[in-house]
Structure formats: structure tokens, C-alpha cells
PDB file of N, CA and C in Angstrom:
ATOM      1  N   MET A   1       0.517  -1.164  -0.366  1.00  0.00           N
ATOM      2  CA  MET A   1      -0.407   0.696   0.064  1.00  0.00           C
ATOM      3  C   MET A   1       1.010   1.494  -0.095  1.00  0.00           C
ATOM      4  N   TYR A   2       0.434   2.047  -0.416  1.00  0.00           N
ATOM      5  CA  TYR A   2       0.862   3.687  -0.674  1.00  0.00           C
ATOM      6  C   TYR A   2       0.989   4.307   0.198  1.00  0.00           C
ATOM      7  N   GLU A   3       1.997   4.548   0.867  1.00  0.00           N
ATOM      8  CA  GLU A   3       2.089   5.885   2.254  1.00  0.00           C
ATOM      9  C   GLU A   3       1.210   7.116   1.589  1.00  0.00           C
ATOM     10  N   ARG A   4       1.093   7.487   2.207  1.00  0.00           N
ATOM     11  CA  ARG A   4      -0.778   9.010   2.393  1.00  0.00           C
ATOM     12  C   ARG A   4       0.452  10.086   1.675  1.00  0.00           C
ATOM     13  N   PRO A   5      -0.066  10.058   0.321  1.00  0.00           N
ATOM     14  CA  PRO A   5       0.505  11.187  -1.102  1.00  0.00           C
ATOM     15  C   PRO A   5       0.263  12.812  -0.671  1.00  0.00           C
ATOM     16  N   ILE A   6       1.107  13.241  -0.451  1.00  0.00           N
ATOM     17  CA  ILE A   6       0.670  14.932  -0.683  1.00  0.00           C
ATOM     18  C   ILE A   6      -0.250  15.778  -1.353  1.00  0.00           C
ATOM     19  N   LEU A   7      -0.478  16.875  -1.571  1.00  0.00           N
ATOM     20  CA  LEU A   7      -0.601  17.440  -2.476  1.00  0.00           C
ATOM     21  C   LEU A   7      -0.229  18.520  -2.819  1.00  0.00           C
ATOM     22  N   VAL A   8       0.141  19.271  -3.553  1.00  0.00           N
ATOM     23  CA  VAL A   8       0.985  20.776  -3.467  1.00  0.00           C
ATOM     24  C   VAL A   8       0.809  21.974  -5.202  1.00  0.00           C
ATOM     25  N   ASP A   9       1.015  22.943  -4.970  1.00  0.00           N
ATOM     26  CA  ASP A   9      -0.030  23.909  -5.619  1.00  0.00           C
ATOM     27  C   ASP A   9       1.230  24.208  -6.510  1.00  0.00           C
ATOM     28  N   GLU A  10       0.814  24.984  -7.475  1.00  0.00           N
ATOM     29  CA  GLU A  10       1.379  25.329  -8.396  1.00  0.00           C
ATOM     30  C   GLU A  10       2.513  26.159  -8.168  1.00  0.00           C
ATOM     31  N   ARG A  11       2.299  26.817  -6.965  1.00  0.00           N
ATOM     32  CA  ARG A  11       4.605  27.085  -6.543  1.00  0.00           C
ATOM     33  C   ARG A  11       5.110  25.870  -6.109  1.00  0.00           C
ATOM     34  N   HIS A  12       4.221  24.639  -6.475  1.00  0.00           N
ATOM     35  CA  HIS A  12       5.179  23.547  -6.011  1.00  0.00           C
ATOM     36  C   HIS A  12       5.531  23.707  -4.047  1.00  0.00           C
ATOM     37  N   GLN A  13       3.855  23.665  -3.593  1.00  0.00           N
ATOM     38  CA  GLN A  13       4.150  24.830  -1.818  1.00  0.00           C
ATOM     39  C   GLN A  13       3.026  23.473  -1.300  1.00  0.00           C
ATOM     40  N   THR A  14       3.216  22.506  -0.437  1.00  0.00           N
ATOM     41  CA  THR A  14       2.705  21.352   0.322  1.00  0.00           C
ATOM     42  C   THR A  14       1.165  22.319   0.969  1.00  0.00           C
ATOM     43  N   ILE A  15       0.161  21.834   0.534  1.00  0.00           N
ATOM     44  CA  ILE A  15      -1.003  22.313   0.730  1.00  0.00           C
ATOM     45  C   ILE A  15      -2.378  21.624   2.038  1.00  0.00           C
ATOM     46  N   GLY A  16      -1.490  20.159   2.048  1.00  0.00           N
ATOM     47  CA  GLY A  16      -2.419  18.804   2.534  1.00  0.00           C
ATOM     48  C   GLY A  16      -3.117  18.216   1.499  1.00  0.00           C
ATOM     49  N   VAL A  17      -4.367  17.800   2.302  1.00  0.00           N
ATOM     50  CA  VAL A  17      -4.545  17.151   1.021  1.00  0.00           C
ATOM     51  C   VAL A  17      -6.189  17.089   0.658  1.00  0.00           C
ATOM     52  N   PRO A  18      -5.754  16.668  -0.586  1.00  0.00           N
ATOM     53  CA  PRO A  18      -7.453  18.355  -1.033  1.00  0.00           C
ATOM     54  C   PRO A  18      -8.659  17.519  -0.204  1.00  0.00           C
ATOM     55  N   ALA A  19      -9.489  18.850  -0.541  1.00  0.00           N
ATOM     56  CA  ALA A  19     -10.876  18.408  -0.658  1.00  0.00           C
ATOM     57  C   ALA A  19     -11.726  17.879  -1.588  1.00  0.00           C
ATOM     58  N   GLU A  20     -12.821  16.882  -1.161  1.00  0.00           N
ATOM     59  CA  GLU A  20     -13.326  15.763  -2.069  1.00  0.00           C
ATOM     60  C   GLU A  20     -13.631  16.755  -3.425  1.00  0.00           C
ATOM     61  N   GLU A  21     -14.098  17.845  -3.584  1.00  0.00           N
ATOM     62  CA  GLU A  21     -14.169  19.166  -4.434  1.00  0.00           C
ATOM     63  C   GLU A  21     -13.286  18.983  -5.936  1.00  0.00           C
ATOM     64  N   LYS A  22     -11.858  18.636  -5.222  1.00  0.00           N
ATOM     65  CA  LYS A  22     -10.859  19.442  -5.969  1.00  0.00           C
ATOM     66  C   LYS A  22     -10.381  17.982  -6.828  1.00  0.00           C
ATOM     67  N   TRP A  23     -10.510  16.758  -6.850  1.00  0.00           N
ATOM     68  CA  TRP A  23     -10.938  15.376  -7.668  1.00  0.00           C
ATOM     69  C   TRP A  23     -11.225  15.466  -8.911  1.00  0.00           C
ATOM     70  N   MET A  24     -10.844  15.326  -9.512  1.00  0.00           N
ATOM     71  CA  MET A  24     -11.089  15.391 -11.136  1.00  0.00           C
ATOM     72  C   MET A  24     -10.212  14.458 -12.167  1.00  0.00           C
ATOM     73  N   PRO A  25     -11.446  14.038 -13.368  1.00  0.00           N
ATOM     74  CA  PRO A  25     -10.873  12.836 -13.806  1.00  0.00           C
ATOM     75  C   PRO A  25      -9.205  13.097 -14.942  1.00  0.00           C
ATOM     76  N   VAL A  26      -8.265  12.788 -14.902  1.00  0.00           N
ATOM     77  CA  VAL A  26      -7.538  12.575 -15.581  1.00  0.00           C
ATOM     78  C   VAL A  26      -7.800  11.453 -17.141  1.00  0.00           C
ATOM     79  N   CYS A  27      -7.259  10.675 -16.585  1.00  0.00           N
ATOM     80  CA  CYS A  27      -7.049   9.937 -17.779  1.00  0.00           C
ATOM     81  C   CYS A  27      -8.149   8.319 -17.831  1.00  0.00           C
ATOM     82  N   GLY A  28      -8.341   7.199 -18.545  1.00  0.00           N
ATOM     83  CA  GLY A  28      -9.869   6.484 -18.339  1.00  0.00           C
ATOM     84  C   GLY A  28      -8.130   5.184 -17.713  1.00  0.00           C
ATOM     85  N   LEU A  29      -8.970   4.419 -16.536  1.00  0.00           N
ATOM     86  CA  LEU A  29      -7.677   2.969 -16.442  1.00  0.00           C
ATOM     87  C   LEU A  29      -7.480   2.303 -17.172  1.00  0.00           C
ATOM     88  N   SER A  30      -7.704   2.555 -18.022  1.00  0.00           N
ATOM     89  CA  SER A  30      -7.609   1.331 -19.603  1.00  0.00           C
ATOM     90  C   SER A  30      -6.762   1.602 -20.093  1.00  0.00           C
ATOM     91  N   ARG A  31      -5.787   3.003 -20.313  1.00  0.00           N
ATOM     92  CA  ARG A  31      -5.006   3.491 -20.816  1.00  0.00           C
ATOM     93  C   ARG A  31      -4.492   3.180 -20.452  1.00  0.00           C
ATOM     94  N   LEU A  32      -3.821   3.747 -18.465  1.00  0.00           N
ATOM     95  CA  LEU A  32      -3.111   4.093 -17.840  1.00  0.00           C
ATOM     96  C   LEU A  32      -2.535   2.374 -17.926  1.00  0.00           C
ATOM     97  N   ILE A  33      -3.126   1.369 -17.629  1.00  0.00           N
ATOM     98  CA  ILE A  33      -2.664  -0.131 -17.247  1.00  0.00           C
ATOM     99  C   ILE A  33      -2.655  -0.469 -18.918  1.00  0.00           C
ATOM    100  N   SER A  34      -2.599   0.054 -19.996  1.00  0.00           N
ATOM    101  CA  SER A  34      -2.112  -0.615 -21.036  1.00  0.00           C
ATOM    102  C   SER A  34      -1.191   0.825 -21.981  1.00  0.00           C
ATOM    103  N   GLN A  35      -0.874   1.624 -21.204  1.00  0.00           N
ATOM    104  CA  GLN A  35       0.417   2.123 -21.500  1.00  0.00           C
ATOM    105  C   GLN A  35       1.987   2.295 -20.224  1.00  0.00           C
ATOM    106  N   THR A  36       1.732   2.341 -19.022  1.00  0.00           N
ATOM    107  CA  THR A  36       1.937   1.597 -17.612  1.00  0.00           C
ATOM    108  C   THR A  36       2.385   4.024 -17.455  1.00  0.00           C
ATOM    109  N   ILE A  37       2.720   4.413 -17.920  1.00  0.00           N
ATOM    110  CA  ILE A  37       3.360   5.946 -17.698  1.00  0.00           C
ATOM    111  C   ILE A  37       2.175   6.806 -19.126  1.00  0.00           C
ATOM    112  N   VAL A  38       1.421   7.654 -18.295  1.00  0.00           N
ATOM    113  CA  VAL A  38       0.888   8.555 -18.753  1.00  0.00           C
ATOM    114  C   VAL A  38       0.834   9.847 -18.304  1.00  0.00           C
ATOM    115  N   CYS A  39       1.712  10.842 -19.635  1.00  0.00           N
ATOM    116  CA  CYS A  39       1.962  12.136 -19.562  1.00  0.00           C
ATOM    117  C   CYS A  39      -0.442  13.269 -19.244  1.00  0.00           C
ATOM    118  N   ALA A  40       0.398  14.106 -18.247  1.00  0.00           N
ATOM    119  CA  ALA A  40      -0.923  14.685 -18.015  1.00  0.00           C
ATOM    120  C   ALA A  40      -0.754  16.339 -17.326  1.00  0.00           C
ATOM    121  N   ARG A  41      -1.628  17.411 -17.529  1.00  0.00           N
ATOM    122  CA  ARG A  41      -1.421  18.493 -16.811  1.00  0.00           C
ATOM    123  C   ARG A  41      -2.959  18.782 -16.159  1.00  0.00           C
ATOM    124  N   VAL A  42      -2.792  19.134 -14.682  1.00  0.00           N
ATOM    125  CA  VAL A  42      -3.761  19.674 -13.943  1.00  0.00           C
ATOM    126  C   VAL A  42      -3.154  20.339 -13.153  1.00  0.00           C
ATOM    127  N   THR A  43      -4.446  21.414 -13.602  1.00  0.00           N
ATOM    128  CA  THR A  43      -4.396  22.704 -12.470  1.00  0.00           C
ATOM    129  C   THR A  43      -2.863  23.134 -13.069  1.00  0.00           C
ATOM    130  N   GLY A  44      -2.529  23.319 -13.922  1.00  0.00           N
ATOM    131  CA  GLY A  44      -1.629  24.169 -13.899  1.00  0.00           C
ATOM    132  C   GLY A  44      -0.205  23.481 -13.959  1.00  0.00           C
ATOM    133  N   VAL A  45       0.441  21.665 -13.529  1.00  0.00           N
ATOM    134  CA  VAL A  45       0.565  21.181 -12.375  1.00  0.00           C
ATOM    135  C   VAL A  45       1.590  19.869 -13.661  1.00  0.00           C
ATOM    136  N   ASP A  46       2.250  20.105 -14.414  1.00  0.00           N
ATOM    137  CA  ASP A  46       2.625  18.362 -15.053  1.00  0.00           C
ATOM    138  C   ASP A  46       3.050  17.830 -14.422  1.00  0.00           C
ATOM    139  N   LEU A  47       2.620  16.238 -14.911  1.00  0.00           N
ATOM    140  CA  LEU A  47       2.949  14.533 -13.597  1.00  0.00           C
ATOM    141  C   LEU A  47       2.741  13.723 -14.709  1.00  0.00           C
ATOM    142  N   ILE A  48       3.184  12.566 -14.308  1.00  0.00           N
ATOM    143  CA  ILE A  48       2.609  11.712 -14.991  1.00  0.00           C
ATOM    144  C   ILE A  48       1.915  10.492 -13.552  1.00  0.00           C
ATOM    145  N   LEU A  49       0.428   9.730 -14.915  1.00  0.00           N
ATOM    146  CA  LEU A  49       0.377   8.732 -14.015  1.00  0.00           C
ATOM    147  C   LEU A  49       0.903   7.101 -14.060  1.00  0.00           C
ATOM    148  N   VAL A  50       1.618   6.595 -13.389  1.00  0.00           N
ATOM    149  CA  VAL A  50       2.382   5.628 -13.201  1.00  0.00           C
ATOM    150  C   VAL A  50       1.297   4.046 -12.962  1.00  0.00           C
ATOM    151  N   TRP A  51       1.093   3.074 -13.617  1.00  0.00           N
ATOM    152  CA  TRP A  51      -0.192   1.776 -13.487  1.00  0.00           C
ATOM    153  C   TRP A  51       1.166   1.174 -13.005  1.00  0.00           C
ATOM    154  N   ASN A  52       1.637   0.771 -11.860  1.00  0.00           N
ATOM    155  CA  ASN A  52       2.558  -0.300 -10.986  1.00  0.00           C
ATOM    156  C   ASN A  52       2.185  -1.232 -10.156  1.00  0.00           C
ATOM    157  N   GLU A  53       1.831  -2.920 -10.242  1.00  0.00           N
ATOM    158  CA  GLU A  53       1.438  -3.695  -9.388  1.00  0.00           C
ATOM    159  C   GLU A  53       0.578  -3.466  -8.694  1.00  0.00           C
ATOM    160  N   GLY A  54      -0.877  -2.979 -10.119  1.00  0.00           N
ATOM    161  CA  GLY A  54      -1.885  -3.303  -9.798  1.00  0.00           C
ATOM    162  C   GLY A  54      -2.579  -2.055  -8.270  1.00  0.00           C
ATOM    163  N   HIS A  55      -1.304  -0.685  -8.523  1.00  0.00           N
ATOM    164  CA  HIS A  55      -1.865   0.072  -7.454  1.00  0.00           C
ATOM    165  C   HIS A  55      -1.142   1.344  -9.056  1.00  0.00           C
ATOM    166  N   VAL A  56      -1.984   3.027  -9.137  1.00  0.00           N
ATOM    167  CA  VAL A  56      -1.793   3.846  -9.857  1.00  0.00           C
ATOM    168  C   VAL A  56      -0.571   5.063  -8.406  1.00  0.00           C
ATOM    169  N   ALA A  57       0.284   5.627  -9.512  1.00  0.00           N
ATOM    170  CA  ALA A  57       0.729   6.540  -8.366  1.00  0.00           C
ATOM    171  C   ALA A  57       0.419   8.002  -9.439  1.00  0.00           C
ATOM    172  N   ALA A  58       1.033   9.074  -8.592  1.00  0.00           N
ATOM    173  CA  ALA A  58      -0.004  10.399  -9.443  1.00  0.00           C
ATOM    174  C   ALA A  58       1.455  10.686  -8.897  1.00  0.00           C
ATOM    175  N   CYS A  59       3.268  10.970  -9.611  1.00  0.00           N
ATOM    176  CA  CYS A  59       4.259  12.487  -9.533  1.00  0.00           C
ATOM    177  C   CYS A  59       4.517  12.708 -10.576  1.00  0.00           C
ATOM    178  N   GLU A  60       5.415  14.356  -9.870  1.00  0.00           N
ATOM    179  CA  GLU A  60       6.137  14.600 -10.632  1.00  0.00           C
ATOM    180  C   GLU A  60       6.721  14.447 -11.697  1.00  0.00           C
ATOM    181  N   ARG A  61       6.509  15.675 -13.275  1.00  0.00           N
ATOM    182  CA  ARG A  61       6.927  15.020 -14.153  1.00  0.00           C
ATOM    183  C   ARG A  61       8.171  14.545 -14.694  1.00  0.00           C
ATOM    184  N   THR A  62       8.914  15.759 -14.318  1.00  0.00           N
ATOM    185  CA  THR A  62      10.483  16.447 -14.101  1.00  0.00           C
ATOM    186  C   THR A  62      11.482  15.761 -12.624  1.00  0.00           C
ATOM    187  N   CYS A  63      12.271  14.703 -13.119  1.00  0.00           N
ATOM    188  CA  CYS A  63      13.602  13.926 -12.570  1.00  0.00           C
ATOM    189  C   CYS A  63      13.753  15.977 -11.589  1.00  0.00           C
ATOM    190  N   PRO A  64      14.335  15.566  -9.830  1.00  0.00           N
ATOM    191  CA  PRO A  64      14.162  16.589  -8.851  1.00  0.00           C
ATOM    192  C   PRO A  64      15.760  15.967  -9.205  1.00  0.00           C
ATOM    193  N   HIS A  65      16.422  15.199  -9.604  1.00  0.00           N
ATOM    194  CA  HIS A  65      17.974  15.467  -9.827  1.00  0.00           C
ATOM    195  C   HIS A  65      18.135  15.800 -10.875  1.00  0.00           C
ATOM    196  N   GLU A  66      17.661  15.249 -12.387  1.00  0.00           N
ATOM    197  CA  GLU A  66      18.836  16.258 -13.425  1.00  0.00           C
ATOM    198  C   GLU A  66      17.706  16.575 -14.260  1.00  0.00           C
ATOM    199  N   GLN A  67      15.962  16.960 -13.930  1.00  0.00           N
ATOM    200  CA  GLN A  67      15.463  17.741 -14.626  1.00  0.00           C
ATOM    201  C   GLN A  67      14.971  16.828 -16.085  1.00  0.00           C
ATOM    202  N   ALA A  68      15.176  15.355 -15.824  1.00  0.00           N
ATOM    203  CA  ALA A  68      15.240  14.556 -16.853  1.00  0.00           C
ATOM    204  C   ALA A  68      13.312  14.185 -17.052  1.00  0.00           C
ATOM    205  N   ASP A  69      12.577  13.920 -18.103  1.00  0.00           N
ATOM    206  CA  ASP A  69      11.212  13.752 -18.752  1.00  0.00           C
ATOM    207  C   ASP A  69      10.843  12.455 -18.790  1.00  0.00           C
ATOM    208  N   LEU A  70      10.566  11.860 -17.357  1.00  0.00           N
ATOM    209  CA  LEU A  70      10.267  10.487 -16.113  1.00  0.00           C
ATOM    210  C   LEU A  70       8.715  10.067 -16.903  1.00  0.00           C
ATOM    211  N   GLY A  71       8.336  10.983 -17.833  1.00  0.00           N
ATOM    212  CA  GLY A  71       7.628  10.642 -18.490  1.00  0.00           C
ATOM    213  C   GLY A  71       8.042   9.254 -20.017  1.00  0.00           C
ATOM    214  N   LEU A  72       9.559   9.017 -20.304  1.00  0.00           N
ATOM    215  CA  LEU A  72      10.023   8.562 -20.984  1.00  0.00           C
ATOM    216  C   LEU A  72      11.172   7.844 -20.137  1.00  0.00           C
ATOM    217  N   GLY A  73      10.448   7.508 -18.669  1.00  0.00           N
ATOM    218  CA  GLY A  73      11.155   6.775 -17.971  1.00  0.00           C
ATOM    219  C   GLY A  73      10.851   5.145 -18.212  1.00  0.00           C
ATOM    220  N   HIS A  74      11.133   4.436 -16.660  1.00  0.00           N
ATOM    221  CA  HIS A  74      10.360   2.942 -17.412  1.00  0.00           C
ATOM    222  C   HIS A  74       9.962   2.062 -15.633  1.00  0.00           C
ATOM    223  N   VAL A  75       9.399   1.835 -15.407  1.00  0.00           N
ATOM    224  CA  VAL A  75       8.999   1.190 -14.262  1.00  0.00           C
ATOM    225  C   VAL A  75       9.696  -0.255 -14.619  1.00  0.00           C
ATOM    226  N   SER A  76       9.678  -0.527 -12.846  1.00  0.00           N
ATOM    227  CA  SER A  76      10.008  -2.231 -12.643  1.00  0.00           C
ATOM    228  C   SER A  76      10.195  -2.259 -11.291  1.00  0.00           C
ATOM    229  N   GLY A  77       9.638  -3.156 -10.494  1.00  0.00           N
ATOM    230  CA  GLY A  77       9.559  -3.109  -9.269  1.00  0.00           C
ATOM    231  C   GLY A  77       9.626  -2.172  -8.224  1.00  0.00           C
ATOM    232  N   GLY A  78       8.299  -1.803  -8.632  1.00  0.00           N
ATOM    233  CA  GLY A  78       7.663  -0.998  -7.555  1.00  0.00           C
ATOM    234  C   GLY A  78       8.438   0.308  -7.768  1.00  0.00           C
ATOM    235  N   ARG A  79       9.454   1.057  -8.495  1.00  0.00           N
ATOM    236  CA  ARG A  79      11.098   1.662  -8.835  1.00  0.00           C
ATOM    237  C   ARG A  79      10.065   2.517 -10.419  1.00  0.00           C
ATOM    238  N   LEU A  80      10.287   3.470 -10.572  1.00  0.00           N
ATOM    239  CA  LEU A  80      10.679   4.599 -11.375  1.00  0.00           C
ATOM    240  C   LEU A  80      12.081   4.962 -11.995  1.00  0.00           C
ATOM    241  N   PHE A  81      12.021   3.966 -13.528  1.00  0.00           N
ATOM    242  CA  PHE A  81      13.567   5.236 -13.623  1.00  0.00           C
ATOM    243  C   PHE A  81      13.740   6.206 -14.224  1.00  0.00           C
ATOM    244  N   CYS A  82      14.807   7.244 -13.445  1.00  0.00           N
ATOM    245  CA  CYS A  82      15.344   8.570 -15.186  1.00  0.00           C
ATOM    246  C   CYS A  82      15.291   7.738 -15.661  1.00  0.00           C
ATOM    247  N   PRO A  83      15.019   8.912 -17.500  1.00  0.00           N
ATOM    248  CA  PRO A  83      15.500   7.505 -18.250  1.00  0.00           C
ATOM    249  C   PRO A  83      16.683   8.595 -18.528  1.00  0.00           C
ATOM    250  N   ARG A  84      17.813   9.554 -18.026  1.00  0.00           N
ATOM    251  CA  ARG A  84      18.893  10.259 -18.306  1.00  0.00           C
ATOM    252  C   ARG A  84      19.944   9.965 -16.789  1.00  0.00           C
ATOM    253  N   HIS A  85      19.251   9.013 -16.521  1.00  0.00           N
ATOM    254  CA  HIS A  85      20.202   8.469 -15.034  1.00  0.00           C
ATOM    255  C   HIS A  85      19.850   6.566 -14.386  1.00  0.00           C
ATOM    256  N   ALA A  86      21.060   6.819 -14.206  1.00  0.00           N
ATOM    257  CA  ALA A  86      20.403   5.171 -13.483  1.00  0.00           C
ATOM    258  C   ALA A  86      20.146   5.633 -11.895  1.00  0.00           C
ATOM    259  N   ALA A  87      19.524   6.454 -11.117  1.00  0.00           N
ATOM    260  CA  ALA A  87      18.466   6.996 -10.540  1.00  0.00           C
ATOM    261  C   ALA A  87      17.723   6.015 -10.393  1.00  0.00           C
ATOM    262  N   SER A  88      16.642   6.244  -9.587  1.00  0.00           N
ATOM    263  CA  SER A  88      15.077   4.973  -9.513  1.00  0.00           C
ATOM    264  C   SER A  88      14.689   6.121  -8.201  1.00  0.00           C
ATOM    265  N   PHE A  89      12.469   5.884  -8.231  1.00  0.00           N
ATOM    266  CA  PHE A  89      11.999   6.285  -7.608  1.00  0.00           C
ATOM    267  C   PHE A  89      10.981   5.593  -6.874  1.00  0.00           C
ATOM    268  N   GLU A  90      10.865   5.233  -5.545  1.00  0.00           N
ATOM    269  CA  GLU A  90       9.874   4.536  -4.885  1.00  0.00           C
ATOM    270  C   GLU A  90       8.620   4.979  -5.018  1.00  0.00           C
ATOM    271  N   LEU A  91       8.401   4.524  -5.970  1.00  0.00           N
ATOM    272  CA  LEU A  91       6.197   4.946  -6.242  1.00  0.00           C
ATOM    273  C   LEU A  91       5.292   5.237  -5.041  1.00  0.00           C
ATOM    274  N   ARG A  92       6.330   4.086  -3.606  1.00  0.00           N
ATOM    275  CA  ARG A  92       4.983   4.323  -2.240  1.00  0.00           C
ATOM    276  C   ARG A  92       5.299   5.601  -1.682  1.00  0.00           C
ATOM    277  N   ASN A  93       6.933   6.395  -1.693  1.00  0.00           N
ATOM    278  CA  ASN A  93       6.797   7.282  -1.122  1.00  0.00           C
ATOM    279  C   ASN A  93       7.802   8.399  -2.155  1.00  0.00           C
ATOM    280  N   GLY A  94       8.398   8.612  -3.132  1.00  0.00           N
ATOM    281  CA  GLY A  94       9.223   9.213  -3.692  1.00  0.00           C
ATOM    282  C   GLY A  94      10.474   9.010  -3.642  1.00  0.00           C
ATOM    283  N   ARG A  95      11.212   8.039  -2.854  1.00  0.00           N
ATOM    284  CA  ARG A  95      12.187   8.340  -2.363  1.00  0.00           C
ATOM    285  C   ARG A  95      13.217   7.440  -3.253  1.00  0.00           C
ATOM    286  N   ILE A  96      14.342   8.494  -3.974  1.00  0.00           N
ATOM    287  CA  ILE A  96      15.648   8.276  -4.550  1.00  0.00           C
ATOM    288  C   ILE A  96      16.516   7.656  -4.073  1.00  0.00           C
ATOM    289  N   SER A  97      17.549   6.381  -5.462  1.00  0.00           N
ATOM    290  CA  SER A  97      17.813   5.239  -4.836  1.00  0.00           C
ATOM    291  C   SER A  97      18.949   5.399  -4.252  1.00  0.00           C
ATOM    292  N   PHE A  98      19.128   4.583  -3.911  1.00  0.00           N
ATOM    293  CA  PHE A  98      20.688   5.258  -1.762  1.00  0.00           C
ATOM    294  C   PHE A  98      21.825   6.044  -3.172  1.00  0.00           C
ATOM    295  N   GLY A  99      22.912   6.595  -2.824  1.00  0.00           N
ATOM    296  CA  GLY A  99      23.606   7.535  -2.885  1.00  0.00           C
ATOM    297  C   GLY A  99      23.162   8.344  -3.842  1.00  0.00           C
ATOM    298  N   TRP A 100      22.419   8.682  -4.387  1.00  0.00           N
ATOM    299  CA  TRP A 100      21.775  10.192  -5.110  1.00  0.00           C
ATOM    300  C   TRP A 100      21.756  11.407  -4.317  1.00  0.00           C
ATOM    301  N   PRO A 101      22.637  12.771  -4.676  1.00  0.00           N
ATOM    302  CA  PRO A 101      21.930  14.130  -4.048  1.00  0.00           C
ATOM    303  C   PRO A 101      20.940  14.385  -4.739  1.00  0.00           C
ATOM    304  N   SER A 102      19.375  14.072  -4.355  1.00  0.00           N
ATOM    305  CA  SER A 102      18.308  14.796  -4.460  1.00  0.00           C
ATOM    306  C   SER A 102      16.472  14.234  -3.136  1.00  0.00           C
ATOM    307  N   ARG A 103      16.263  15.443  -4.351  1.00  0.00           N
ATOM    308  CA  ARG A 103      14.945  15.673  -2.950  1.00  0.00           C
ATOM    309  C   ARG A 103      13.750  13.891  -3.435  1.00  0.00           C
ATOM    310  N   PRO A 104      13.646  13.676  -2.809  1.00  0.00           N
ATOM    311  CA  PRO A 104      12.109  12.512  -3.177  1.00  0.00           C
ATOM    312  C   PRO A 104      11.854  13.298  -4.073  1.00  0.00           C
ATOM    313  N   LEU A 105      10.384  12.100  -4.349  1.00  0.00           N
ATOM    314  CA  LEU A 105       9.830  12.340  -6.029  1.00  0.00           C
ATOM    315  C   LEU A 105       8.789  12.988  -5.353  1.00  0.00           C
ATOM    316  N   ARG A 106       8.459  14.436  -5.637  1.00  0.00           N
ATOM    317  CA  ARG A 106       7.217  14.706  -5.541  1.00  0.00           C
ATOM    318  C   ARG A 106       5.562  13.958  -5.676  1.00  0.00           C
ATOM    319  N   LEU A 107       4.843  12.947  -5.068  1.00  0.00           N
ATOM    320  CA  LEU A 107       4.039  12.324  -4.927  1.00  0.00           C
ATOM    321  C   LEU A 107       2.601  13.797  -4.895  1.00  0.00           C
ATOM    322  N   TYR A 108       1.420  13.086  -5.596  1.00  0.00           N
ATOM    323  CA  TYR A 108       0.170  13.481  -5.167  1.00  0.00           C
ATOM    324  C   TYR A 108      -1.144  12.292  -5.524  1.00  0.00           C
ATOM    325  N   PRO A 109      -1.637  12.840  -4.645  1.00  0.00           N
ATOM    326  CA  PRO A 109      -3.251  12.133  -4.147  1.00  0.00           C
ATOM    327  C   PRO A 109      -3.740  11.547  -5.619  1.00  0.00           C
ATOM    328  N   VAL A 110      -4.385  10.428  -5.524  1.00  0.00           N
ATOM    329  CA  VAL A 110      -5.140   9.793  -7.002  1.00  0.00           C
ATOM    330  C   VAL A 110      -6.042   8.705  -6.147  1.00  0.00           C
ATOM    331  N   ARG A 111      -6.878   8.489  -7.790  1.00  0.00           N
ATOM    332  CA  ARG A 111      -7.681   7.466  -6.944  1.00  0.00           C
ATOM    333  C   ARG A 111      -8.186   7.072  -7.891  1.00  0.00           C
ATOM    334  N   ILE A 112      -8.894   6.247  -7.919  1.00  0.00           N
ATOM    335  CA  ILE A 112     -10.149   5.489  -9.554  1.00  0.00           C
ATOM    336  C   ILE A 112     -11.566   5.264  -9.226  1.00  0.00           C
ATOM    337  N   GLU A 113     -12.557   6.198  -9.825  1.00  0.00           N
ATOM    338  CA  GLU A 113     -13.505   5.797  -9.433  1.00  0.00           C
ATOM    339  C   GLU A 113     -13.840   5.827 -10.583  1.00  0.00           C
ATOM    340  N   ASP A 114     -15.459   4.885 -11.033  1.00  0.00           N
ATOM    341  CA  ASP A 114     -16.114   4.452 -12.358  1.00  0.00           C
ATOM    342  C   ASP A 114     -15.359   4.397 -13.733  1.00  0.00           C
ATOM    343  N   GLU A 115     -14.014   3.655 -13.388  1.00  0.00           N
ATOM    344  CA  GLU A 115     -12.867   3.472 -14.080  1.00  0.00           C
ATOM    345  C   GLU A 115     -11.754   4.353 -14.337  1.00  0.00           C
ATOM    346  N   GLN A 116     -12.080   5.948 -13.877  1.00  0.00           N
ATOM    347  CA  GLN A 116     -11.454   7.279 -14.590  1.00  0.00           C
ATOM    348  C   GLN A 116     -10.388   7.181 -13.377  1.00  0.00           C
ATOM    349  N   VAL A 117      -8.874   7.856 -13.832  1.00  0.00           N
ATOM    350  CA  VAL A 117      -8.215   8.315 -13.090  1.00  0.00           C
ATOM    351  C   VAL A 117      -8.283   9.815 -12.233  1.00  0.00           C
TER     352      VAL A 117
END
């Protein structure tokens, strides 16, 4: 199970868990399952949705280490791998792999309702 995600505003400031009225559909679940990674822009924030081992994760699209497009990365064993370097991020909490000087990957709240993510 994923740790409790955070919500950030357009300036990437933490603002807490979203109120019920802030949820919005981003893509169909079947599309996400077939593509594994789907890029989206939600309330002005570029993010990616990731299908991983039966769970959905939503995270920032840009690698916090080298600013690579994580939408071009790949997923394996619960980790999102950056396409530019060998570092990876845990999809349940955003932690970067050991030895890399970077903050964790920013995660966003996500839920599935009526086959929509």
C-alpha cells in the first residue's frame, strides 16, 4: 500500500490532502494500464500517472535530480527509473535510490472512480 500522498499547489508548496471537490478525472484506467505511464497537466502542474503492480501513482513529471522527463522513464519492481541516469524513485513514497543527491520525487493524491483515474 502507498504511503499517504501530498498535495501541492502551482508553486509546489505543500497544502495538504485535497477536499472532496478537488478531484478530477485525468485519464481512463484502461489507457493507463495499457501504457504504464501517462503524461498529464492538472491545474497547471505537469505530472505523470504510473501503473505499477496493480496500483496507480501520480508524481511530478520532471526528475528532481537532473530535470529529465520521467514520462520517458520505465517502471520495474515498484520503482520509476529516470531515462537520463541510473537513479530510480520508490513509487509508494518518492524516495530516490541510495547514493543520489536529490530530494524525493513529489507524489500527488490519486484515486480510481468509475474506471477513471
